[in-house]
Amino acid sequence: CELEIEPDTFVRCDVDKIQRVFDNLL
């Protein structure tokens, strides 16, 4: 698994819900 993202990229969201989205996709 390769992750390409800038350091300390912030976004305003519901962390639990968005984590669930990424968990489902991965």
PDB file of all heavy atoms in Angstrom:
ATOM      1  N   CYS A   1       0.851  -1.190   0.000  1.00  0.00           N
ATOM      2  CA  CYS A   1       0.000   0.000   0.000  1.00  0.00           C
ATOM      3  C   CYS A   1       0.885   1.238   0.000  1.00  0.00           C
ATOM      4  O   CYS A   1       1.709   1.431   0.913  1.00  0.00           O
ATOM      5  CB  CYS A   1      -0.920   0.003   1.216  1.00  0.00           C
ATOM      6  SG  CYS A   1      -2.094   1.381   1.226  1.00  0.00           S
ATOM      7  N   GLU A   2       0.762   2.071  -1.015  1.00  0.00           N
ATOM      8  CA  GLU A   2       1.539   3.301  -1.137  1.00  0.00           C
ATOM      9  C   GLU A   2       0.643   4.495  -0.824  1.00  0.00           C
ATOM     10  O   GLU A   2      -0.435   4.641  -1.381  1.00  0.00           O
ATOM     11  CB  GLU A   2       2.109   3.443  -2.548  1.00  0.00           C
ATOM     12  CG  GLU A   2       3.125   2.372  -2.914  1.00  0.00           C
ATOM     13  CD  GLU A   2       3.661   2.547  -4.320  1.00  0.00           C
ATOM     14  OE1 GLU A   2       3.094   3.406  -5.059  1.00  0.00           O
ATOM     15  OE2 GLU A   2       4.615   1.848  -4.689  1.00  0.00           O
ATOM     16  N   LEU A   3       1.097   5.337   0.086  1.00  0.00           N
ATOM     17  CA  LEU A   3       0.358   6.531   0.486  1.00  0.00           C
ATOM     18  C   LEU A   3       1.111   7.769   0.020  1.00  0.00           C
ATOM     19  O   LEU A   3       2.287   7.947   0.346  1.00  0.00           O
ATOM     20  CB  LEU A   3       0.171   6.560   2.004  1.00  0.00           C
ATOM     21  CG  LEU A   3      -0.504   7.811   2.585  1.00  0.00           C
ATOM     22  CD1 LEU A   3      -1.913   7.980   2.026  1.00  0.00           C
ATOM     23  CD2 LEU A   3      -0.541   7.731   4.113  1.00  0.00           C
ATOM     24  N   GLU A   4       0.441   8.615  -0.734  1.00  0.00           N
ATOM     25  CA  GLU A   4       1.046   9.849  -1.242  1.00  0.00           C
ATOM     26  C   GLU A   4       0.179  11.031  -0.807  1.00  0.00           C
ATOM     27  O   GLU A   4      -0.886  11.279  -1.358  1.00  0.00           O
ATOM     28  CB  GLU A   4       1.138   9.788  -2.770  1.00  0.00           C
ATOM     29  CG  GLU A   4       1.865  10.976  -3.385  1.00  0.00           C
ATOM     30  CD  GLU A   4       1.960  10.859  -4.890  1.00  0.00           C
ATOM     31  OE1 GLU A   4       2.327   9.772  -5.376  1.00  0.00           O
ATOM     32  OE2 GLU A   4       1.653  11.855  -5.590  1.00  0.00           O
ATOM     33  N   ILE A   5       0.662  11.758   0.206  1.00  0.00           N
ATOM     34  CA  ILE A   5      -0.086  12.889   0.753  1.00  0.00           C
ATOM     35  C   ILE A   5       0.894  13.863   1.383  1.00  0.00           C
ATOM     36  O   ILE A   5       1.928  13.454   1.935  1.00  0.00           O
ATOM     37  CB  ILE A   5      -1.133  12.409   1.795  1.00  0.00           C
ATOM     38  CG1 ILE A   5      -1.980  13.593   2.284  1.00  0.00           C
ATOM     39  CG2 ILE A   5      -0.489  11.662   2.939  1.00  0.00           C
ATOM     40  CD1 ILE A   5      -3.143  13.172   3.170  1.00  0.00           C
ATOM     41  N   GLU A   6       0.598  15.146   1.296  1.00  0.00           N
ATOM     42  CA  GLU A   6       1.474  16.154   1.897  1.00  0.00           C
ATOM     43  C   GLU A   6       1.432  16.040   3.422  1.00  0.00           C
ATOM     44  O   GLU A   6       0.380  15.692   3.990  1.00  0.00           O
ATOM     45  CB  GLU A   6       1.036  17.559   1.471  1.00  0.00           C
ATOM     46  CG  GLU A   6       1.180  17.828  -0.020  1.00  0.00           C
ATOM     47  CD  GLU A   6       0.717  19.231  -0.375  1.00  0.00           C
ATOM     48  OE1 GLU A   6       0.311  19.970   0.558  1.00  0.00           O
ATOM     49  OE2 GLU A   6       0.753  19.582  -1.563  1.00  0.00           O
ATOM     50  N   PRO A   7       2.547  16.319   4.085  1.00  0.00           N
ATOM     51  CA  PRO A   7       2.550  16.268   5.556  1.00  0.00           C
ATOM     52  C   PRO A   7       1.548  17.253   6.149  1.00  0.00           C
ATOM     53  O   PRO A   7       1.340  18.355   5.632  1.00  0.00           O
ATOM     54  CB  PRO A   7       4.000  16.659   5.915  1.00  0.00           C
ATOM     55  CG  PRO A   7       4.795  16.403   4.672  1.00  0.00           C
ATOM     56  CD  PRO A   7       3.870  16.672   3.532  1.00  0.00           C
ATOM     57  N   ASP A   8       0.914  16.824   7.224  1.00  0.00           N
ATOM     58  CA  ASP A   8      -0.029  17.663   7.978  1.00  0.00           C
ATOM     59  C   ASP A   8      -1.087  18.305   7.082  1.00  0.00           C
ATOM     60  O   ASP A   8      -1.277  19.524   7.071  1.00  0.00           O
ATOM     61  CB  ASP A   8       0.736  18.746   8.749  1.00  0.00           C
ATOM     62  CG  ASP A   8       1.633  18.149   9.832  1.00  0.00           C
ATOM     63  OD1 ASP A   8       1.252  17.094  10.384  1.00  0.00           O
ATOM     64  OD2 ASP A   8       2.696  18.717  10.090  1.00  0.00           O
ATOM     65  N   THR A   9      -1.763  17.462   6.316  1.00  0.00           N
ATOM     66  CA  THR A   9      -2.903  17.917   5.520  1.00  0.00           C
ATOM     67  C   THR A   9      -4.153  17.868   6.391  1.00  0.00           C
ATOM     68  O   THR A   9      -4.536  16.811   6.880  1.00  0.00           O
ATOM     69  CB  THR A   9      -3.104  17.030   4.279  1.00  0.00           C
ATOM     70  OG1 THR A   9      -1.934  17.124   3.451  1.00  0.00           O
ATOM     71  CG2 THR A   9      -4.327  17.474   3.483  1.00  0.00           C
ATOM     72  N   PHE A  10      -4.755  19.029   6.602  1.00  0.00           N
ATOM     73  CA  PHE A  10      -5.920  19.107   7.491  1.00  0.00           C
ATOM     74  C   PHE A  10      -7.200  19.275   6.682  1.00  0.00           C
ATOM     75  O   PHE A  10      -7.207  19.891   5.609  1.00  0.00           O
ATOM     76  CB  PHE A  10      -5.782  20.281   8.466  1.00  0.00           C
ATOM     77  CG  PHE A  10      -4.820  20.007   9.593  1.00  0.00           C
ATOM     78  CD1 PHE A  10      -3.463  20.269   9.438  1.00  0.00           C
ATOM     79  CD2 PHE A  10      -5.278  19.491  10.795  1.00  0.00           C
ATOM     80  CE1 PHE A  10      -2.580  20.017  10.475  1.00  0.00           C
ATOM     81  CE2 PHE A  10      -4.397  19.242  11.832  1.00  0.00           C
ATOM     82  CZ  PHE A  10      -3.044  19.504  11.678  1.00  0.00           C
ATOM     83  N   VAL A  11      -8.287  18.717   7.200  1.00  0.00           N
ATOM     84  CA  VAL A  11      -9.607  18.870   6.594  1.00  0.00           C
ATOM     85  C   VAL A  11     -10.638  18.887   7.726  1.00  0.00           C
ATOM     86  O   VAL A  11     -10.463  18.222   8.753  1.00  0.00           O
ATOM     87  CB  VAL A  11      -9.906  17.723   5.596  1.00  0.00           C
ATOM     88  CG1 VAL A  11      -9.983  16.381   6.299  1.00  0.00           C
ATOM     89  CG2 VAL A  11     -11.196  17.994   4.835  1.00  0.00           C
ATOM     90  N   ARG A  12     -11.678  19.674   7.546  1.00  0.00           N
ATOM     91  CA  ARG A  12     -12.738  19.757   8.550  1.00  0.00           C
ATOM     92  C   ARG A  12     -13.814  18.716   8.233  1.00  0.00           C
ATOM     93  O   ARG A  12     -14.447  18.774   7.180  1.00  0.00           O
ATOM     94  CB  ARG A  12     -13.352  21.166   8.572  1.00  0.00           C
ATOM     95  CG  ARG A  12     -14.328  21.391   9.721  1.00  0.00           C
ATOM     96  CD  ARG A  12     -14.751  22.862   9.790  1.00  0.00           C
ATOM     97  NE  ARG A  12     -15.693  23.079  10.892  1.00  0.00           N
ATOM     98  CZ  ARG A  12     -17.007  22.948  10.792  1.00  0.00           C
ATOM     99  NH1 ARG A  12     -17.532  22.588   9.633  1.00  0.00           N
ATOM    100  NH2 ARG A  12     -17.799  23.168  11.823  1.00  0.00           N
ATOM    101  N   CYS A  13     -14.003  17.756   9.145  1.00  0.00           N
ATOM    102  CA  CYS A  13     -14.936  16.663   8.885  1.00  0.00           C
ATOM    103  C   CYS A  13     -15.281  15.974  10.205  1.00  0.00           C
ATOM    104  O   CYS A  13     -14.768  16.323  11.262  1.00  0.00           O
ATOM    105  CB  CYS A  13     -14.328  15.655   7.905  1.00  0.00           C
ATOM    106  SG  CYS A  13     -12.845  14.832   8.561  1.00  0.00           S
ATOM    107  N   ASP A  14     -16.168  14.996  10.114  1.00  0.00           N
ATOM    108  CA  ASP A  14     -16.451  14.103  11.239  1.00  0.00           C
ATOM    109  C   ASP A  14     -15.449  12.967  11.140  1.00  0.00           C
ATOM    110  O   ASP A  14     -15.540  12.112  10.256  1.00  0.00           O
ATOM    111  CB  ASP A  14     -17.886  13.580  11.137  1.00  0.00           C
ATOM    112  CG  ASP A  14     -18.288  12.730  12.332  1.00  0.00           C
ATOM    113  OD1 ASP A  14     -17.476  11.883  12.756  1.00  0.00           O
ATOM    114  OD2 ASP A  14     -19.412  12.904  12.838  1.00  0.00           O
ATOM    115  N   VAL A  15     -14.472  12.938  12.034  1.00  0.00           N
ATOM    116  CA  VAL A  15     -13.346  12.022  11.900  1.00  0.00           C
ATOM    117  C   VAL A  15     -13.787  10.560  11.913  1.00  0.00           C
ATOM    118  O   VAL A  15     -13.286   9.735  11.142  1.00  0.00           O
ATOM    119  CB  VAL A  15     -12.287  12.297  13.005  1.00  0.00           C
ATOM    120  CG1 VAL A  15     -12.877  12.098  14.397  1.00  0.00           C
ATOM    121  CG2 VAL A  15     -11.061  11.396  12.815  1.00  0.00           C
ATOM    122  N   ASP A  16     -14.743  10.197  12.771  1.00  0.00           N
ATOM    123  CA  ASP A  16     -15.179   8.798  12.836  1.00  0.00           C
ATOM    124  C   ASP A  16     -15.856   8.365  11.551  1.00  0.00           C
ATOM    125  O   ASP A  16     -15.635   7.261  11.050  1.00  0.00           O
ATOM    126  CB  ASP A  16     -16.127   8.601  14.025  1.00  0.00           C
ATOM    127  CG  ASP A  16     -15.420   8.781  15.366  1.00  0.00           C
ATOM    128  OD1 ASP A  16     -14.214   8.492  15.419  1.00  0.00           O
ATOM    129  OD2 ASP A  16     -16.072   9.202  16.335  1.00  0.00           O
ATOM    130  N   LYS A  17     -16.708   9.261  11.008  1.00  0.00           N
ATOM    131  CA  LYS A  17     -17.434   8.912   9.788  1.00  0.00           C
ATOM    132  C   LYS A  17     -16.475   8.820   8.588  1.00  0.00           C
ATOM    133  O   LYS A  17     -16.569   7.892   7.782  1.00  0.00           O
ATOM    134  CB  LYS A  17     -18.523   9.960   9.501  1.00  0.00           C
ATOM    135  CG  LYS A  17     -19.567  10.115  10.597  1.00  0.00           C
ATOM    136  CD  LYS A  17     -20.417   8.888  10.766  1.00  0.00           C
ATOM    137  CE  LYS A  17     -21.635   9.155  11.655  1.00  0.00           C
ATOM    138  NZ  LYS A  17     -21.307   9.669  12.982  1.00  0.00           N
ATOM    139  N   ILE A  18     -15.565   9.796   8.470  1.00  0.00           N
ATOM    140  CA  ILE A  18     -14.631   9.775   7.340  1.00  0.00           C
ATOM    141  C   ILE A  18     -13.676   8.586   7.452  1.00  0.00           C
ATOM    142  O   ILE A  18     -13.324   7.959   6.439  1.00  0.00           O
ATOM    143  CB  ILE A  18     -13.857  11.107   7.264  1.00  0.00           C
ATOM    144  CG1 ILE A  18     -14.792  12.227   6.793  1.00  0.00           C
ATOM    145  CG2 ILE A  18     -12.672  10.993   6.323  1.00  0.00           C
ATOM    146  CD1 ILE A  18     -15.362  12.023   5.402  1.00  0.00           C
ATOM    147  N   GLN A  19     -13.279   8.260   8.668  1.00  0.00           N
ATOM    148  CA  GLN A  19     -12.430   7.080   8.847  1.00  0.00           C
ATOM    149  C   GLN A  19     -13.160   5.821   8.384  1.00  0.00           C
ATOM    150  O   GLN A  19     -12.557   4.922   7.798  1.00  0.00           O
ATOM    151  CB  GLN A  19     -12.023   6.943  10.317  1.00  0.00           C
ATOM    152  CG  GLN A  19     -11.051   5.791  10.569  1.00  0.00           C
ATOM    153  CD  GLN A  19     -10.556   5.766  12.006  1.00  0.00           C
ATOM    154  OE1 GLN A  19     -11.012   6.524  12.843  1.00  0.00           O
ATOM    155  NE2 GLN A  19      -9.610   4.878  12.283  1.00  0.00           N
ATOM    156  N   ARG A  20     -14.450   5.781   8.631  1.00  0.00           N
ATOM    157  CA  ARG A  20     -15.243   4.640   8.185  1.00  0.00           C
ATOM    158  C   ARG A  20     -15.280   4.569   6.659  1.00  0.00           C
ATOM    159  O   ARG A  20     -15.225   3.489   6.073  1.00  0.00           O
ATOM    160  CB  ARG A  20     -16.659   4.746   8.743  1.00  0.00           C
ATOM    161  CG  ARG A  20     -17.538   3.553   8.438  1.00  0.00           C
ATOM    162  CD  ARG A  20     -18.879   3.692   9.106  1.00  0.00           C
ATOM    163  NE  ARG A  20     -19.690   2.513   8.920  1.00  0.00           N
ATOM    164  CZ  ARG A  20     -20.924   2.393   9.376  1.00  0.00           C
ATOM    165  NH1 ARG A  20     -21.473   3.393  10.048  1.00  0.00           N
ATOM    166  NH2 ARG A  20     -21.612   1.296   9.172  1.00  0.00           N
ATOM    167  N   VAL A  21     -15.387   5.736   6.007  1.00  0.00           N
ATOM    168  CA  VAL A  21     -15.376   5.764   4.536  1.00  0.00           C
ATOM    169  C   VAL A  21     -14.072   5.180   4.003  1.00  0.00           C
ATOM    170  O   VAL A  21     -14.070   4.285   3.146  1.00  0.00           O
ATOM    171  CB  VAL A  21     -15.560   7.207   4.016  1.00  0.00           C
ATOM    172  CG1 VAL A  21     -15.335   7.263   2.503  1.00  0.00           C
ATOM    173  CG2 VAL A  21     -16.941   7.729   4.359  1.00  0.00           C
ATOM    174  N   PHE A  22     -12.945   5.673   4.524  1.00  0.00           N
ATOM    175  CA  PHE A  22     -11.645   5.212   4.038  1.00  0.00           C
ATOM    176  C   PHE A  22     -11.416   3.737   4.383  1.00  0.00           C
ATOM    177  O   PHE A  22     -10.802   2.995   3.619  1.00  0.00           O
ATOM    178  CB  PHE A  22     -10.531   6.078   4.616  1.00  0.00           C
ATOM    179  CG  PHE A  22     -10.597   7.520   4.170  1.00  0.00           C
ATOM    180  CD1 PHE A  22     -10.115   8.550   4.977  1.00  0.00           C
ATOM    181  CD2 PHE A  22     -11.156   7.853   2.946  1.00  0.00           C
ATOM    182  CE1 PHE A  22     -10.188   9.868   4.564  1.00  0.00           C
ATOM    183  CE2 PHE A  22     -11.231   9.163   2.523  1.00  0.00           C
ATOM    184  CZ  PHE A  22     -10.741  10.176   3.336  1.00  0.00           C
ATOM    185  N   ASP A  23     -11.898   3.318   5.545  1.00  0.00           N
ATOM    186  CA  ASP A  23     -11.790   1.909   5.934  1.00  0.00           C
ATOM    187  C   ASP A  23     -12.539   1.031   4.938  1.00  0.00           C
ATOM    188  O   ASP A  23     -12.038  -0.013   4.477  1.00  0.00           O
ATOM    189  CB  ASP A  23     -12.349   1.720   7.347  1.00  0.00           C
ATOM    190  CG  ASP A  23     -12.177   0.291   7.853  1.00  0.00           C
ATOM    191  OD1 ASP A  23     -13.000  -0.561   7.463  1.00  0.00           O
ATOM    192  OD2 ASP A  23     -11.243   0.033   8.631  1.00  0.00           O
ATOM    193  N   ASN A  24     -13.766   1.449   4.563  1.00  0.00           N
ATOM    194  CA  ASN A  24     -14.553   0.676   3.596  1.00  0.00           C
ATOM    195  C   ASN A  24     -13.861   0.617   2.236  1.00  0.00           C
ATOM    196  O   ASN A  24     -13.831  -0.430   1.581  1.00  0.00           O
ATOM    197  CB  ASN A  24     -15.947   1.297   3.433  1.00  0.00           C
ATOM    198  CG  ASN A  24     -16.856   1.004   4.611  1.00  0.00           C
ATOM    199  OD1 ASN A  24     -16.625   0.068   5.374  1.00  0.00           O
ATOM    200  ND2 ASN A  24     -17.882   1.812   4.781  1.00  0.00           N
ATOM    201  N   LEU A  25     -13.301   1.754   1.805  1.00  0.00           N
ATOM    202  CA  LEU A  25     -12.654   1.794   0.487  1.00  0.00           C
ATOM    203  C   LEU A  25     -11.388   0.946   0.457  1.00  0.00           C
ATOM    204  O   LEU A  25     -11.133   0.223  -0.518  1.00  0.00           O
ATOM    205  CB  LEU A  25     -12.336   3.241   0.104  1.00  0.00           C
ATOM    206  CG  LEU A  25     -13.549   4.148  -0.156  1.00  0.00           C
ATOM    207  CD1 LEU A  25     -13.094   5.561  -0.486  1.00  0.00           C
ATOM    208  CD2 LEU A  25     -14.414   3.595  -1.276  1.00  0.00           C
ATOM    209  N   LEU A  26     -10.586   1.020   1.521  1.00  0.00           N
ATOM    210  CA  LEU A  26      -9.352   0.231   1.553  1.00  0.00           C
ATOM    211  C   LEU A  26      -9.666  -1.262   1.698  1.00  0.00           C
ATOM    212  O   LEU A  26      -9.026  -2.107   1.065  1.00  0.00           O
ATOM    213  CB  LEU A  26      -8.454   0.708   2.700  1.00  0.00           C
ATOM    214  CG  LEU A  26      -7.048   0.083   2.759  1.00  0.00           C
ATOM    215  CD1 LEU A  26      -6.340   0.208   1.413  1.00  0.00           C
ATOM    216  CD2 LEU A  26      -6.220   0.738   3.863  1.00  0.00           C
TER     217      LEU A  26
END
